[in-house]
Amino acid sequence: MNLRPTHLFNKLIKLVPMESKHFEELYAVAADPLIWEQHPTKDRYKREVFQSFFDSAIEGKAAFLVMDIKINAVIGSSRYYEYDADKKSIAVGYTFLARPYWGGEYNKSLKKLMLDYAFQFVDTVIFHIGEHNLRSQIATQRFGAKKLDRVEEKMQGVNKIVNYVYELNKEDWVGKK
């Protein structure tokens, strides 16, 4: 599975493989504190905290800028991670969008692009969502993912966070289309 495809786009957005040179334009979106209010790392809007998030995305080599095609501007990011060839699974997450793009077609378009691509190679997609991130939990359930587990873990300077683990199977995704 190529974790950095360069051809994912639709009428609303395109996904561009993230590179170090993209920090400033992505941070301009991420600097909004309200984006992170339901996230376990609530201070990710701070430059030094976001830098750690960004560096992790670059190191993972499977992160994307989300671009609004109409205005050719960065509106957020997302990534693939935890690819497991033996289990035929991958995780999708670390997604955020600028507030004007919440609650509409943009997140659906983003997830559709990423899931359609992933399900060419895997049978299961996993999502890890913070326990207080109700927006993401609701959005994930709307496209058919099922809550499997509650896990506690350490994350980027936060002592302990609680995530819910959601799973979406290929058959369920194809059946909803």
N, C-alpha and C. Protein backbone atom coordinates (compact mmCIF):
# COMPACT_ATOMS: atom_id res chain seq x y z
N MET A 1 0.85 -1.19 0.00
CA MET A 1 0.00 0.00 0.00
C MET A 1 0.88 1.23 0.00
N ASN A 2 0.68 2.09 -0.92
CA ASN A 2 1.38 3.38 -0.96
C ASN A 2 0.68 4.31 0.01
N LEU A 3 1.34 4.65 1.12
CA LEU A 3 0.73 5.49 2.14
C LEU A 3 0.76 6.97 1.79
N ARG A 4 1.36 7.33 0.66
CA ARG A 4 1.42 8.74 0.23
C ARG A 4 0.98 8.90 -1.22
N PRO A 5 -0.24 8.47 -1.52
CA PRO A 5 -0.70 8.65 -2.90
C PRO A 5 -0.81 10.14 -3.23
N THR A 6 -0.61 10.46 -4.48
CA THR A 6 -0.64 11.88 -4.90
C THR A 6 -1.86 12.19 -5.75
N HIS A 7 -2.80 11.29 -5.82
CA HIS A 7 -3.93 11.45 -6.74
C HIS A 7 -5.29 11.46 -6.04
N LEU A 8 -5.33 11.80 -4.76
CA LEU A 8 -6.60 11.79 -4.05
C LEU A 8 -7.23 13.18 -4.09
N PHE A 9 -8.34 13.28 -4.82
CA PHE A 9 -9.02 14.56 -4.94
C PHE A 9 -10.46 14.30 -5.37
N ASN A 10 -11.30 15.30 -5.15
CA ASN A 10 -12.67 15.27 -5.63
C ASN A 10 -13.07 16.71 -5.97
N LYS A 11 -14.34 17.01 -6.08
CA LYS A 11 -14.75 18.35 -6.49
C LYS A 11 -14.51 19.41 -5.42
N LEU A 12 -14.31 19.00 -4.15
CA LEU A 12 -14.12 19.95 -3.06
C LEU A 12 -12.68 20.09 -2.59
N ILE A 13 -11.99 18.95 -2.50
CA ILE A 13 -10.67 18.95 -1.87
C ILE A 13 -9.66 18.12 -2.65
N LYS A 14 -8.40 18.38 -2.33
CA LYS A 14 -7.34 17.48 -2.79
C LYS A 14 -6.43 17.26 -1.60
N LEU A 15 -5.82 16.08 -1.56
CA LEU A 15 -4.88 15.73 -0.51
C LEU A 15 -3.47 15.80 -1.09
N VAL A 16 -2.61 16.54 -0.42
CA VAL A 16 -1.23 16.74 -0.86
C VAL A 16 -0.32 16.13 0.20
N PRO A 17 0.58 15.22 -0.19
CA PRO A 17 1.49 14.67 0.80
C PRO A 17 2.22 15.79 1.56
N MET A 18 2.17 15.73 2.88
CA MET A 18 2.75 16.77 3.73
C MET A 18 4.27 16.70 3.72
N GLU A 19 4.89 17.88 3.64
CA GLU A 19 6.34 18.01 3.69
C GLU A 19 6.71 19.09 4.70
N SER A 20 7.96 19.09 5.12
CA SER A 20 8.43 20.07 6.11
C SER A 20 8.14 21.50 5.70
N LYS A 21 8.21 21.78 4.43
CA LYS A 21 7.99 23.15 3.93
C LYS A 21 6.56 23.65 4.16
N HIS A 22 5.64 22.77 4.53
CA HIS A 22 4.24 23.14 4.70
C HIS A 22 3.90 23.62 6.11
N PHE A 23 4.88 23.68 7.01
CA PHE A 23 4.57 24.00 8.40
C PHE A 23 3.79 25.30 8.55
N GLU A 24 4.28 26.38 8.01
CA GLU A 24 3.67 27.68 8.26
C GLU A 24 2.23 27.76 7.77
N GLU A 25 1.96 27.24 6.58
CA GLU A 25 0.60 27.33 6.07
C GLU A 25 -0.36 26.43 6.84
N LEU A 26 0.12 25.29 7.33
CA LEU A 26 -0.75 24.44 8.14
C LEU A 26 -0.91 25.02 9.55
N TYR A 27 0.16 25.57 10.09
CA TYR A 27 0.05 26.18 11.42
C TYR A 27 -0.91 27.38 11.40
N ALA A 28 -1.00 28.08 10.31
CA ALA A 28 -1.93 29.20 10.20
C ALA A 28 -3.38 28.72 10.44
N VAL A 29 -3.69 27.50 10.05
CA VAL A 29 -5.01 26.91 10.30
C VAL A 29 -5.08 26.41 11.74
N ALA A 30 -4.05 25.72 12.18
CA ALA A 30 -4.04 25.06 13.49
C ALA A 30 -3.96 26.02 14.67
N ALA A 31 -3.61 27.27 14.43
CA ALA A 31 -3.45 28.25 15.51
C ALA A 31 -4.77 28.69 16.13
N ASP A 32 -5.87 28.20 15.65
CA ASP A 32 -7.19 28.52 16.20
C ASP A 32 -7.46 27.62 17.42
N PRO A 33 -7.51 28.18 18.63
CA PRO A 33 -7.72 27.36 19.83
C PRO A 33 -9.02 26.55 19.82
N LEU A 34 -10.05 27.04 19.14
CA LEU A 34 -11.33 26.33 19.14
C LEU A 34 -11.28 25.00 18.39
N ILE A 35 -10.33 24.86 17.48
CA ILE A 35 -10.18 23.58 16.78
C ILE A 35 -9.86 22.47 17.77
N TRP A 36 -9.14 22.79 18.81
CA TRP A 36 -8.61 21.79 19.74
C TRP A 36 -9.39 21.66 21.03
N GLU A 37 -10.50 22.38 21.19
CA GLU A 37 -11.20 22.42 22.47
C GLU A 37 -11.71 21.07 22.94
N GLN A 38 -12.02 20.14 22.05
CA GLN A 38 -12.50 18.81 22.45
C GLN A 38 -11.40 17.76 22.38
N HIS A 39 -10.21 18.16 22.04
CA HIS A 39 -9.09 17.25 21.87
C HIS A 39 -8.34 17.07 23.18
N PRO A 40 -7.75 15.91 23.41
CA PRO A 40 -6.96 15.71 24.63
C PRO A 40 -5.78 16.70 24.76
N THR A 41 -5.20 17.10 23.63
CA THR A 41 -4.12 18.09 23.64
C THR A 41 -4.72 19.44 23.28
N LYS A 42 -5.34 20.05 24.26
CA LYS A 42 -6.10 21.28 24.03
C LYS A 42 -5.25 22.49 23.67
N ASP A 43 -3.95 22.41 23.95
CA ASP A 43 -3.06 23.54 23.65
C ASP A 43 -2.28 23.36 22.35
N ARG A 44 -2.79 22.51 21.48
CA ARG A 44 -2.11 22.26 20.21
C ARG A 44 -2.08 23.50 19.31
N TYR A 45 -2.85 24.50 19.62
CA TYR A 45 -2.81 25.75 18.86
C TYR A 45 -1.52 26.53 19.12
N LYS A 46 -0.80 26.20 20.19
CA LYS A 46 0.48 26.86 20.49
C LYS A 46 1.55 26.32 19.54
N ARG A 47 2.37 27.22 19.03
CA ARG A 47 3.37 26.87 18.03
C ARG A 47 4.24 25.68 18.45
N GLU A 48 4.78 25.71 19.67
CA GLU A 48 5.70 24.65 20.08
C GLU A 48 4.99 23.30 20.23
N VAL A 49 3.74 23.32 20.64
CA VAL A 49 2.98 22.07 20.77
C VAL A 49 2.61 21.57 19.38
N PHE A 50 2.18 22.48 18.50
CA PHE A 50 1.85 22.07 17.14
C PHE A 50 3.08 21.56 16.40
N GLN A 51 4.24 22.14 16.68
CA GLN A 51 5.48 21.69 16.02
C GLN A 51 5.72 20.21 16.28
N SER A 52 5.47 19.75 17.51
CA SER A 52 5.63 18.33 17.84
C SER A 52 4.65 17.47 17.04
N PHE A 53 3.39 17.91 16.97
CA PHE A 53 2.37 17.22 16.18
C PHE A 53 2.80 17.14 14.71
N PHE A 54 3.25 18.26 14.17
CA PHE A 54 3.67 18.34 12.77
C PHE A 54 4.88 17.43 12.51
N ASP A 55 5.88 17.49 13.39
CA ASP A 55 7.07 16.65 13.22
C ASP A 55 6.71 15.17 13.22
N SER A 56 5.79 14.79 14.08
CA SER A 56 5.32 13.40 14.11
C SER A 56 4.65 13.02 12.79
N ALA A 57 3.88 13.94 12.24
CA ALA A 57 3.22 13.69 10.95
C ALA A 57 4.26 13.49 9.85
N ILE A 58 5.27 14.34 9.83
CA ILE A 58 6.33 14.23 8.81
C ILE A 58 7.08 12.91 8.97
N GLU A 59 7.42 12.56 10.19
CA GLU A 59 8.16 11.30 10.45
C GLU A 59 7.36 10.08 10.01
N GLY A 60 6.03 10.14 10.16
CA GLY A 60 5.18 9.01 9.78
C GLY A 60 5.08 8.79 8.28
N LYS A 61 5.41 9.78 7.49
CA LYS A 61 5.45 9.69 6.02
C LYS A 61 4.13 9.25 5.40
N ALA A 62 3.00 9.59 6.06
CA ALA A 62 1.70 9.24 5.51
C ALA A 62 0.66 10.31 5.83
N ALA A 63 1.12 11.55 5.98
CA ALA A 63 0.23 12.66 6.32
C ALA A 63 -0.02 13.53 5.10
N PHE A 64 -1.17 14.21 5.13
CA PHE A 64 -1.61 15.02 4.00
C PHE A 64 -2.09 16.38 4.46
N LEU A 65 -1.83 17.37 3.63
CA LEU A 65 -2.53 18.63 3.74
C LEU A 65 -3.88 18.43 3.06
N VAL A 66 -4.91 19.02 3.62
CA VAL A 66 -6.21 19.04 2.97
C VAL A 66 -6.34 20.42 2.35
N MET A 67 -6.56 20.46 1.04
CA MET A 67 -6.62 21.71 0.29
C MET A 67 -8.04 21.92 -0.25
N ASP A 68 -8.56 23.12 -0.09
CA ASP A 68 -9.81 23.52 -0.72
C ASP A 68 -9.49 23.80 -2.19
N ILE A 69 -10.05 23.03 -3.08
CA ILE A 69 -9.74 23.16 -4.51
C ILE A 69 -10.17 24.52 -5.06
N LYS A 70 -11.30 25.02 -4.61
CA LYS A 70 -11.84 26.27 -5.17
C LYS A 70 -10.93 27.47 -4.92
N ILE A 71 -10.30 27.51 -3.76
CA ILE A 71 -9.45 28.66 -3.43
C ILE A 71 -7.97 28.29 -3.33
N ASN A 72 -7.65 27.01 -3.57
CA ASN A 72 -6.29 26.50 -3.52
C ASN A 72 -5.58 26.89 -2.22
N ALA A 73 -6.25 26.58 -1.11
CA ALA A 73 -5.71 26.93 0.20
C ALA A 73 -5.76 25.73 1.14
N VAL A 74 -4.79 25.67 2.06
CA VAL A 74 -4.75 24.63 3.08
C VAL A 74 -5.89 24.87 4.06
N ILE A 75 -6.66 23.81 4.34
CA ILE A 75 -7.76 23.92 5.30
C ILE A 75 -7.63 22.92 6.45
N GLY A 76 -6.58 22.09 6.43
CA GLY A 76 -6.40 21.12 7.51
C GLY A 76 -5.44 20.02 7.11
N SER A 77 -5.50 18.92 7.88
CA SER A 77 -4.65 17.77 7.57
C SER A 77 -5.28 16.49 8.11
N SER A 78 -4.76 15.38 7.64
CA SER A 78 -5.14 14.05 8.10
C SER A 78 -4.00 13.10 7.75
N ARG A 79 -4.07 11.90 8.27
CA ARG A 79 -3.01 10.94 7.94
C ARG A 79 -3.44 9.50 8.14
N TYR A 80 -2.70 8.63 7.48
CA TYR A 80 -2.76 7.20 7.72
C TYR A 80 -1.67 6.87 8.74
N TYR A 81 -1.91 5.85 9.55
CA TYR A 81 -0.89 5.39 10.49
C TYR A 81 -1.24 3.97 10.93
N GLU A 82 -0.30 3.32 11.58
CA GLU A 82 -0.47 1.95 12.10
C GLU A 82 -0.92 0.97 11.02
N TYR A 83 -0.28 1.04 9.85
CA TYR A 83 -0.58 0.08 8.80
C TYR A 83 -0.08 -1.29 9.24
N ASP A 84 -0.94 -2.32 9.12
CA ASP A 84 -0.59 -3.69 9.49
C ASP A 84 -0.95 -4.59 8.31
N ALA A 85 0.06 -4.96 7.54
CA ALA A 85 -0.16 -5.77 6.34
C ALA A 85 -0.73 -7.14 6.70
N ASP A 86 -0.29 -7.72 7.81
CA ASP A 86 -0.78 -9.04 8.21
C ASP A 86 -2.26 -9.02 8.58
N LYS A 87 -2.67 -7.99 9.30
CA LYS A 87 -4.08 -7.89 9.71
C LYS A 87 -4.93 -7.19 8.65
N LYS A 88 -4.28 -6.69 7.61
CA LYS A 88 -4.96 -5.94 6.56
C LYS A 88 -5.77 -4.79 7.16
N SER A 89 -5.07 -3.99 7.99
CA SER A 89 -5.73 -2.86 8.63
C SER A 89 -4.83 -1.63 8.62
N ILE A 90 -5.46 -0.49 8.79
CA ILE A 90 -4.75 0.78 8.88
C ILE A 90 -5.61 1.73 9.71
N ALA A 91 -4.97 2.68 10.34
CA ALA A 91 -5.71 3.72 11.07
C ALA A 91 -5.73 5.00 10.24
N VAL A 92 -6.81 5.74 10.38
CA VAL A 92 -6.96 7.05 9.77
C VAL A 92 -7.27 8.02 10.90
N GLY A 93 -6.56 9.14 10.92
CA GLY A 93 -6.86 10.09 11.98
C GLY A 93 -5.92 11.27 12.02
N TYR A 94 -5.81 11.85 13.21
CA TYR A 94 -5.09 13.10 13.43
C TYR A 94 -5.64 14.17 12.51
N THR A 95 -6.93 14.08 12.24
CA THR A 95 -7.59 14.97 11.30
C THR A 95 -8.06 16.25 11.98
N PHE A 96 -7.81 17.35 11.34
CA PHE A 96 -8.44 18.60 11.76
C PHE A 96 -8.69 19.46 10.53
N LEU A 97 -9.76 20.23 10.62
CA LEU A 97 -10.13 21.17 9.56
C LEU A 97 -10.38 22.54 10.18
N ALA A 98 -10.15 23.57 9.40
CA ALA A 98 -10.48 24.93 9.82
C ALA A 98 -11.98 24.99 10.11
N ARG A 99 -12.35 25.81 11.08
CA ARG A 99 -13.75 25.86 11.52
C ARG A 99 -14.76 26.16 10.40
N PRO A 100 -14.47 27.02 9.42
CA PRO A 100 -15.47 27.23 8.37
C PRO A 100 -15.83 25.96 7.60
N TYR A 101 -15.03 24.90 7.74
CA TYR A 101 -15.25 23.65 7.01
C TYR A 101 -15.89 22.57 7.87
N TRP A 102 -16.26 22.89 9.09
CA TRP A 102 -16.92 21.93 9.97
C TRP A 102 -18.38 21.75 9.57
N GLY A 103 -18.87 20.56 9.86
CA GLY A 103 -20.30 20.30 9.78
C GLY A 103 -20.89 20.25 8.39
N GLY A 104 -20.08 20.13 7.39
CA GLY A 104 -20.61 20.09 6.03
C GLY A 104 -20.03 18.95 5.24
N GLU A 105 -19.84 19.20 3.99
CA GLU A 105 -19.40 18.16 3.07
C GLU A 105 -17.88 17.91 3.09
N TYR A 106 -17.11 18.82 3.65
CA TYR A 106 -15.66 18.70 3.55
C TYR A 106 -15.10 17.50 4.32
N ASN A 107 -15.52 17.30 5.57
CA ASN A 107 -15.03 16.15 6.32
C ASN A 107 -15.51 14.85 5.68
N LYS A 108 -16.76 14.83 5.21
CA LYS A 108 -17.26 13.64 4.52
C LYS A 108 -16.42 13.35 3.27
N SER A 109 -16.12 14.41 2.52
CA SER A 109 -15.30 14.24 1.30
C SER A 109 -13.91 13.73 1.64
N LEU A 110 -13.33 14.27 2.70
CA LEU A 110 -12.01 13.84 3.12
C LEU A 110 -12.01 12.37 3.51
N LYS A 111 -12.94 11.99 4.37
CA LYS A 111 -12.99 10.59 4.81
C LYS A 111 -13.29 9.66 3.64
N LYS A 112 -14.17 10.08 2.74
CA LYS A 112 -14.48 9.24 1.59
C LYS A 112 -13.23 8.99 0.74
N LEU A 113 -12.47 10.04 0.47
CA LEU A 113 -11.24 9.85 -0.30
C LEU A 113 -10.29 8.88 0.39
N MET A 114 -10.08 9.11 1.68
CA MET A 114 -9.11 8.28 2.41
C MET A 114 -9.59 6.84 2.57
N LEU A 115 -10.88 6.67 2.84
CA LEU A 115 -11.41 5.31 3.03
C LEU A 115 -11.49 4.56 1.70
N ASP A 116 -11.96 5.20 0.66
CA ASP A 116 -12.01 4.53 -0.65
C ASP A 116 -10.62 4.05 -1.07
N TYR A 117 -9.62 4.89 -0.84
CA TYR A 117 -8.26 4.50 -1.19
C TYR A 117 -7.80 3.34 -0.29
N ALA A 118 -7.96 3.48 1.02
CA ALA A 118 -7.47 2.46 1.95
C ALA A 118 -8.12 1.11 1.70
N PHE A 119 -9.41 1.10 1.42
CA PHE A 119 -10.11 -0.18 1.23
C PHE A 119 -9.74 -0.88 -0.08
N GLN A 120 -8.90 -0.29 -0.89
CA GLN A 120 -8.33 -1.02 -2.02
C GLN A 120 -7.26 -2.00 -1.54
N PHE A 121 -6.75 -1.78 -0.31
CA PHE A 121 -5.61 -2.55 0.18
C PHE A 121 -5.86 -3.25 1.52
N VAL A 122 -6.81 -2.76 2.30
CA VAL A 122 -7.05 -3.32 3.63
C VAL A 122 -8.53 -3.70 3.77
N ASP A 123 -8.81 -4.47 4.83
CA ASP A 123 -10.18 -4.87 5.12
C ASP A 123 -10.79 -4.09 6.29
N THR A 124 -9.91 -3.43 7.08
CA THR A 124 -10.37 -2.74 8.28
C THR A 124 -9.65 -1.41 8.44
N VAL A 125 -10.41 -0.39 8.80
CA VAL A 125 -9.84 0.92 9.14
C VAL A 125 -10.19 1.21 10.60
N ILE A 126 -9.19 1.65 11.33
CA ILE A 126 -9.33 1.96 12.76
C ILE A 126 -9.27 3.48 12.95
N PHE A 127 -10.03 3.97 13.92
CA PHE A 127 -10.02 5.39 14.31
C PHE A 127 -9.83 5.46 15.82
N HIS A 128 -8.96 6.33 16.27
CA HIS A 128 -8.76 6.59 17.70
C HIS A 128 -9.27 8.01 17.95
N ILE A 129 -10.29 8.13 18.80
CA ILE A 129 -10.93 9.43 19.01
C ILE A 129 -11.00 9.73 20.50
N GLY A 130 -10.55 10.92 20.87
CA GLY A 130 -10.57 11.34 22.26
C GLY A 130 -11.96 11.25 22.87
N GLU A 131 -12.02 10.87 24.14
CA GLU A 131 -13.31 10.64 24.79
C GLU A 131 -14.20 11.88 24.83
N HIS A 132 -13.62 13.07 24.78
CA HIS A 132 -14.41 14.30 24.82
C HIS A 132 -14.62 14.91 23.43
N ASN A 133 -14.11 14.25 22.41
CA ASN A 133 -14.24 14.77 21.05
C ASN A 133 -15.55 14.27 20.43
N LEU A 134 -16.63 14.87 20.89
CA LEU A 134 -17.95 14.42 20.46
C LEU A 134 -18.19 14.65 18.98
N ARG A 135 -17.68 15.75 18.44
CA ARG A 135 -17.86 16.02 17.00
C ARG A 135 -17.32 14.86 16.16
N SER A 136 -16.10 14.43 16.48
CA SER A 136 -15.49 13.35 15.69
C SER A 136 -16.16 12.01 15.94
N GLN A 137 -16.58 11.77 17.17
CA GLN A 137 -17.28 10.51 17.45
C GLN A 137 -18.57 10.41 16.64
N ILE A 138 -19.34 11.48 16.62
CA ILE A 138 -20.60 11.49 15.88
C ILE A 138 -20.33 11.34 14.37
N ALA A 139 -19.38 12.08 13.86
CA ALA A 139 -19.06 12.00 12.42
C ALA A 139 -18.62 10.59 12.04
N THR A 140 -17.81 9.96 12.89
CA THR A 140 -17.30 8.62 12.60
C THR A 140 -18.43 7.60 12.63
N GLN A 141 -19.34 7.74 13.55
CA GLN A 141 -20.47 6.81 13.61
C GLN A 141 -21.40 7.00 12.42
N ARG A 142 -21.50 8.21 11.92
CA ARG A 142 -22.39 8.48 10.77
C ARG A 142 -21.97 7.72 9.53
N PHE A 143 -20.67 7.49 9.36
CA PHE A 143 -20.29 6.73 8.17
C PHE A 143 -20.09 5.24 8.46
N GLY A 144 -20.61 4.79 9.61
CA GLY A 144 -20.72 3.35 9.84
C GLY A 144 -19.70 2.72 10.77
N ALA A 145 -18.76 3.47 11.30
CA ALA A 145 -17.77 2.88 12.21
C ALA A 145 -18.44 2.53 13.53
N LYS A 146 -17.95 1.45 14.14
CA LYS A 146 -18.50 0.96 15.40
C LYS A 146 -17.48 1.11 16.51
N LYS A 147 -17.94 1.57 17.67
CA LYS A 147 -17.07 1.72 18.83
C LYS A 147 -16.73 0.34 19.38
N LEU A 148 -15.41 0.07 19.53
CA LEU A 148 -14.96 -1.22 20.01
C LEU A 148 -14.42 -1.21 21.42
N ASP A 149 -13.72 -0.12 21.76
CA ASP A 149 -12.94 -0.18 22.99
C ASP A 149 -12.69 1.23 23.53
N ARG A 150 -12.26 1.27 24.76
CA ARG A 150 -11.82 2.49 25.44
C ARG A 150 -10.41 2.21 25.91
N VAL A 151 -9.45 3.04 25.50
CA VAL A 151 -8.05 2.80 25.87
C VAL A 151 -7.45 4.05 26.50
N GLU A 152 -6.55 3.84 27.44
CA GLU A 152 -5.80 4.93 28.06
C GLU A 152 -4.37 4.85 27.55
N GLU A 153 -3.81 6.02 27.21
CA GLU A 153 -2.44 6.05 26.70
C GLU A 153 -1.81 7.40 26.95
N LYS A 154 -0.51 7.45 26.80
CA LYS A 154 0.23 8.70 26.93
C LYS A 154 0.38 9.29 25.54
N MET A 155 0.23 10.63 25.44
CA MET A 155 0.30 11.26 24.12
C MET A 155 0.95 12.62 24.22
N GLN A 156 2.01 12.82 23.49
CA GLN A 156 2.68 14.11 23.29
C GLN A 156 2.52 15.09 24.45
N GLY A 157 3.16 14.77 25.58
CA GLY A 157 3.18 15.70 26.70
C GLY A 157 1.96 15.65 27.60
N VAL A 158 0.96 14.87 27.27
CA VAL A 158 -0.21 14.72 28.12
C VAL A 158 0.00 13.46 28.95
N ASN A 159 -0.17 13.54 30.25
CA ASN A 159 0.09 12.39 31.11
C ASN A 159 -0.71 11.16 30.71
N LYS A 160 -2.01 11.33 30.60
CA LYS A 160 -2.85 10.19 30.23
C LYS A 160 -4.06 10.71 29.48
N ILE A 161 -4.36 10.08 28.38
CA ILE A 161 -5.57 10.43 27.64
C ILE A 161 -6.42 9.18 27.47
N VAL A 162 -7.68 9.38 27.24
CA VAL A 162 -8.59 8.28 26.97
C VAL A 162 -9.10 8.46 25.55
N ASN A 163 -8.93 7.42 24.77
CA ASN A 163 -9.45 7.38 23.41
C ASN A 163 -10.46 6.27 23.29
N TYR A 164 -11.43 6.47 22.42
CA TYR A 164 -12.30 5.38 22.01
C TYR A 164 -11.74 4.86 20.69
N VAL A 165 -11.81 3.56 20.53
CA VAL A 165 -11.35 2.91 19.30
C VAL A 165 -12.59 2.52 18.51
N TYR A 166 -12.62 3.00 17.27
CA TYR A 166 -13.70 2.68 16.34
C TYR A 166 -13.13 1.85 15.21
N GLU A 167 -13.98 1.01 14.63
CA GLU A 167 -13.56 0.16 13.52
C GLU A 167 -14.60 0.25 12.41
N LEU A 168 -14.10 0.32 11.20
CA LEU A 168 -14.96 0.27 10.01
C LEU A 168 -14.43 -0.84 9.11
N ASN A 169 -15.31 -1.78 8.79
CA ASN A 169 -14.94 -2.88 7.91
C ASN A 169 -15.28 -2.55 6.47
N LYS A 170 -14.51 -3.11 5.58
CA LYS A 170 -14.69 -2.87 4.15
C LYS A 170 -16.12 -3.17 3.70
N GLU A 171 -16.68 -4.28 4.16
CA GLU A 171 -18.03 -4.65 3.74
C GLU A 171 -19.05 -3.60 4.16
N ASP A 172 -18.89 -3.07 5.38
CA ASP A 172 -19.82 -2.05 5.87
C ASP A 172 -19.68 -0.76 5.07
N TRP A 173 -18.44 -0.41 4.72
CA TRP A 173 -18.22 0.82 3.96
C TRP A 173 -18.80 0.69 2.55
N VAL A 174 -18.51 -0.40 1.89
CA VAL A 174 -19.01 -0.62 0.54
C VAL A 174 -20.53 -0.68 0.56
N GLY A 175 -21.11 -1.28 1.59
CA GLY A 175 -22.56 -1.38 1.71
C GLY A 175 -23.24 -0.05 1.91
N LYS A 176 -22.56 0.95 2.48
CA LYS A 176 -23.15 2.26 2.74
C LYS A 176 -23.07 3.19 1.52
N LYS A 177 -22.21 2.85 0.56
CA LYS A 177 -21.99 3.76 -0.57
C LYS A 177 -23.17 3.81 -1.50
